[in-house]
Amino acid sequence: MREGDGRPLLSGQEQGWCAGLPEPLQQRYRRSRSQLRQCLAMLLERPPLAVPLHSPPGEPPTLAAGWGHVSLSHSGAQLLLAWSPWPIGVDLEWEARPLLADGVARRFFPAAEWQQLQGLPAEALRRAVLESWVLKEAAIKWQRGSIAQDLRHWRWDANRAELRHLQHGWTPGCCLRLHDGWCCAVVGHAADQGLWV
């Protein structure tokens, strides 16, 4: 995406960061940050390059204090972006993504959640694990944590529709939505009241 005069829709700092990435990642970074700037510009009623976005590669994007919170997720060529006045996290995965659900749940999910999933037929288990995974990734983005350290501490209870951090007791609002073959999760205050465009 480019400005009306043909300039890239990235700040000078973002262009520098982009140039330092390996070629395959440059296009993804350029596209995601350009789209994020364009969406935020419309929402915040500012020119794209005036949006106070700080978005180094490999780090969660942030806005200057008082401008709200953003989150983004990539999967293949798909991109999910979110803005909220409160902390927010998003994640998406292809809904039909093949995965070894039994092994993933046994290795990465809390014992109580794994026990709840046991006995499900293979396809129901795959789908339940995928949905739990995207909710947990969104929750980790919401908390500004890391998958390696925090994944085991999040439990999704599908029966109660509750996402809970087992160490801190957090139960943030969450929303799971299937959209055009993609499983999308949003975590944060008023997550279920978001506008999808």
Protein backbone atom coordinates (compact mmCIF):
# COMPACT_ATOMS: atom_id res chain seq x y z
CA MET A 1 0.00 0.00 0.00
CA ARG A 2 1.21 3.45 -0.86
CA GLU A 3 0.35 7.03 -0.12
CA GLY A 4 -1.49 8.91 -2.86
CA ASP A 5 1.84 10.29 -4.13
CA GLY A 6 3.36 6.80 -4.45
CA ARG A 7 5.42 6.82 -1.24
CA PRO A 8 5.30 3.61 0.87
CA LEU A 9 2.74 3.70 3.65
CA LEU A 10 5.47 3.13 6.28
CA SER A 11 7.30 5.53 8.53
CA GLY A 12 11.01 6.08 7.90
CA GLN A 13 11.79 3.90 10.93
CA GLU A 14 9.51 1.14 9.63
CA GLN A 15 11.17 1.31 6.21
CA GLY A 16 14.54 0.84 7.91
CA TRP A 17 13.31 -2.11 9.94
CA CYS A 18 11.76 -3.61 6.81
CA ALA A 19 14.99 -3.29 4.82
CA GLY A 20 16.81 -5.24 7.53
CA LEU A 21 14.49 -8.24 7.26
CA PRO A 22 15.08 -11.27 5.01
CA GLU A 23 13.33 -10.79 1.65
CA PRO A 24 10.42 -13.20 2.33
CA LEU A 25 9.55 -11.33 5.54
CA GLN A 26 9.85 -7.86 4.02
CA GLN A 27 6.66 -8.19 1.99
CA ARG A 28 4.70 -9.51 4.98
CA TYR A 29 5.97 -6.73 7.24
CA ARG A 30 5.33 -4.02 4.62
CA ARG A 31 1.81 -5.31 3.96
CA SER A 32 0.77 -5.78 7.59
CA ARG A 33 2.11 -2.42 8.82
CA SER A 34 0.69 -0.57 5.82
CA GLN A 35 -2.74 -2.10 6.37
CA LEU A 36 -2.53 -1.43 10.10
CA ARG A 37 -1.63 2.23 9.45
CA GLN A 38 -4.39 2.59 6.86
CA CYS A 39 -7.06 1.11 9.15
CA LEU A 40 -5.93 3.15 12.16
CA ALA A 41 -5.86 6.32 10.05
CA MET A 42 -9.51 5.86 9.12
CA LEU A 43 -10.51 5.01 12.68
CA LEU A 44 -8.49 7.77 14.37
CA GLU A 45 -9.12 10.31 11.59
CA ARG A 46 -5.44 11.05 11.03
CA PRO A 47 -3.16 10.70 8.00
CA PRO A 48 -1.59 7.21 8.03
CA LEU A 49 1.93 8.49 8.73
CA ALA A 50 0.63 10.68 11.60
CA VAL A 51 -0.65 7.63 13.51
CA PRO A 52 1.72 7.21 16.49
CA LEU A 53 2.45 3.55 15.81
CA HIS A 54 5.54 1.76 17.12
CA SER A 55 5.81 -1.60 15.40
CA PRO A 56 9.27 -3.19 15.24
CA PRO A 57 9.47 -6.62 13.56
CA GLY A 58 8.94 -9.49 15.98
CA GLU A 59 7.33 -7.30 18.65
CA PRO A 60 3.68 -6.50 19.32
CA PRO A 61 2.64 -3.19 17.78
CA THR A 62 1.83 -0.37 20.18
CA LEU A 63 0.32 3.09 19.97
CA ALA A 64 1.44 6.13 21.93
CA ALA A 65 -0.22 6.60 25.32
CA GLY A 66 -3.81 7.73 25.01
CA TRP A 67 -4.30 6.38 21.46
CA GLY A 68 -5.66 2.95 22.41
CA HIS A 69 -4.31 -0.54 21.83
CA VAL A 70 -3.72 -2.65 18.71
CA SER A 71 -3.11 -6.30 17.93
CA LEU A 72 -2.47 -8.22 14.73
CA SER A 73 -2.15 -11.81 13.61
CA HIS A 74 -0.88 -13.40 10.38
CA SER A 75 -1.65 -16.80 8.95
CA GLY A 76 -0.64 -17.48 5.39
CA ALA A 77 -1.80 -14.48 3.34
CA GLN A 78 -4.49 -13.59 5.90
CA LEU A 79 -4.20 -10.73 8.36
CA LEU A 80 -6.42 -9.94 11.35
CA LEU A 81 -6.13 -6.43 12.85
CA ALA A 82 -7.81 -5.01 15.94
CA TRP A 83 -7.98 -1.70 17.78
CA SER A 84 -9.55 -1.05 21.19
CA PRO A 85 -9.41 1.63 23.86
CA TRP A 86 -8.42 -1.24 26.20
CA PRO A 87 -5.69 -3.90 25.90
CA ILE A 88 -6.60 -6.41 23.17
CA GLY A 89 -5.22 -9.55 21.57
CA VAL A 90 -6.19 -11.37 18.37
CA ASP A 91 -5.24 -14.56 16.61
CA LEU A 92 -6.39 -16.45 13.53
CA GLU A 93 -5.80 -19.85 11.98
CA TRP A 94 -7.22 -21.63 8.96
CA GLU A 95 -10.24 -23.51 10.31
CA ALA A 96 -9.39 -26.72 8.40
CA ARG A 97 -5.73 -26.67 9.46
CA PRO A 98 -4.52 -30.22 10.03
CA LEU A 99 -2.92 -30.79 13.41
CA LEU A 100 -2.08 -33.60 15.79
CA ALA A 101 -4.69 -32.47 18.28
CA ASP A 102 -4.13 -35.23 20.83
CA GLY A 103 -0.39 -34.50 21.04
CA VAL A 104 -0.85 -30.71 21.14
CA ALA A 105 -3.45 -30.86 23.93
CA ARG A 106 -1.48 -33.39 25.97
CA ARG A 107 1.75 -31.41 25.68
CA PHE A 108 0.59 -27.79 25.95
CA PHE A 109 -2.82 -27.69 27.68
CA PRO A 110 -3.43 -27.78 31.45
CA ALA A 111 -4.38 -31.26 32.74
CA ALA A 112 -7.97 -30.24 33.56
CA GLU A 113 -8.53 -29.00 30.02
CA TRP A 114 -6.93 -32.09 28.48
CA GLN A 115 -9.19 -34.30 30.61
CA GLN A 116 -12.24 -32.38 29.39
CA LEU A 117 -11.21 -33.04 25.77
CA GLN A 118 -10.49 -36.76 26.13
CA GLY A 119 -12.98 -39.01 24.45
CA LEU A 120 -14.00 -36.53 21.76
CA PRO A 121 -14.13 -37.98 18.23
CA ALA A 122 -11.03 -37.09 16.17
CA GLU A 123 -12.57 -34.20 14.17
CA ALA A 124 -14.29 -32.70 17.22
CA LEU A 125 -11.00 -32.92 19.13
CA ARG A 126 -9.07 -31.24 16.30
CA ARG A 127 -11.56 -28.40 16.18
CA ALA A 128 -11.68 -27.99 19.99
CA VAL A 129 -7.89 -27.87 20.19
CA LEU A 130 -7.67 -25.34 17.34
CA GLU A 131 -10.28 -23.09 18.95
CA SER A 132 -8.56 -23.29 22.33
CA TRP A 133 -5.19 -22.55 20.74
CA VAL A 134 -6.34 -19.37 18.94
CA LEU A 135 -8.07 -18.11 22.08
CA LYS A 136 -4.93 -18.69 24.12
CA GLU A 137 -2.66 -17.01 21.57
CA ALA A 138 -4.98 -14.00 21.57
CA ALA A 139 -4.95 -14.02 25.39
CA ILE A 140 -1.14 -14.07 25.45
CA LYS A 141 -1.09 -11.06 23.12
CA TRP A 142 -3.64 -9.34 25.37
CA GLN A 143 -1.43 -9.90 28.44
CA ARG A 144 1.77 -9.04 26.48
CA GLY A 145 3.21 -12.42 27.47
CA SER A 146 4.97 -15.18 25.57
CA ILE A 147 3.72 -18.50 24.24
CA ALA A 148 6.69 -20.37 25.72
CA GLN A 149 6.03 -19.07 29.23
CA ASP A 150 2.27 -18.57 29.32
CA LEU A 151 0.51 -21.13 27.14
CA ARG A 152 0.27 -23.79 29.87
CA HIS A 153 -1.25 -21.28 32.28
CA TRP A 154 -4.29 -20.50 30.14
CA ARG A 155 -7.32 -22.80 30.26
CA TRP A 156 -10.26 -22.64 27.88
CA ASP A 157 -13.41 -24.20 29.34
CA ALA A 158 -15.71 -24.58 26.33
CA ASN A 159 -18.60 -25.76 28.50
CA ARG A 160 -18.55 -22.50 30.49
CA ALA A 161 -17.20 -20.37 27.62
CA GLU A 162 -14.52 -19.15 30.01
CA LEU A 163 -10.87 -18.37 29.37
CA ARG A 164 -8.88 -18.33 32.63
CA HIS A 165 -5.24 -17.74 33.55
CA LEU A 166 -4.54 -20.37 36.18
CA GLN A 167 -1.82 -18.42 38.01
CA HIS A 168 -3.30 -14.93 38.04
CA GLY A 169 -7.01 -15.76 37.92
CA TRP A 170 -7.65 -13.44 34.96
CA THR A 171 -10.84 -14.15 33.03
CA PRO A 172 -10.78 -11.64 30.18
CA GLY A 173 -13.65 -11.26 27.78
CA CYS A 174 -13.22 -13.35 24.66
CA CYS A 175 -14.88 -13.98 21.34
CA LEU A 176 -14.38 -16.82 18.87
CA ARG A 177 -15.67 -16.38 15.34
CA LEU A 178 -15.51 -18.44 12.16
CA HIS A 179 -15.18 -16.17 9.14
CA ASP A 180 -14.66 -17.34 5.55
CA GLY A 181 -12.94 -20.54 6.66
CA TRP A 182 -10.80 -18.84 9.33
CA CYS A 183 -11.01 -19.31 13.07
CA CYS A 184 -10.60 -15.85 14.65
CA ALA A 185 -10.22 -15.05 18.36
CA VAL A 186 -10.37 -11.73 20.15
CA VAL A 187 -9.50 -11.32 23.84
CA GLY A 188 -10.01 -8.21 25.94
CA HIS A 189 -12.65 -6.01 27.50
CA ALA A 190 -15.85 -5.99 25.39
CA ALA A 191 -14.28 -8.45 22.89
CA ASP A 192 -17.71 -9.79 21.98
CA GLN A 193 -18.95 -6.31 21.05
CA GLY A 194 -16.42 -5.67 18.31
CA LEU A 195 -17.32 -4.54 14.80
CA TRP A 196 -16.06 -6.90 12.10
CA VAL A 197 -15.23 -5.31 8.75
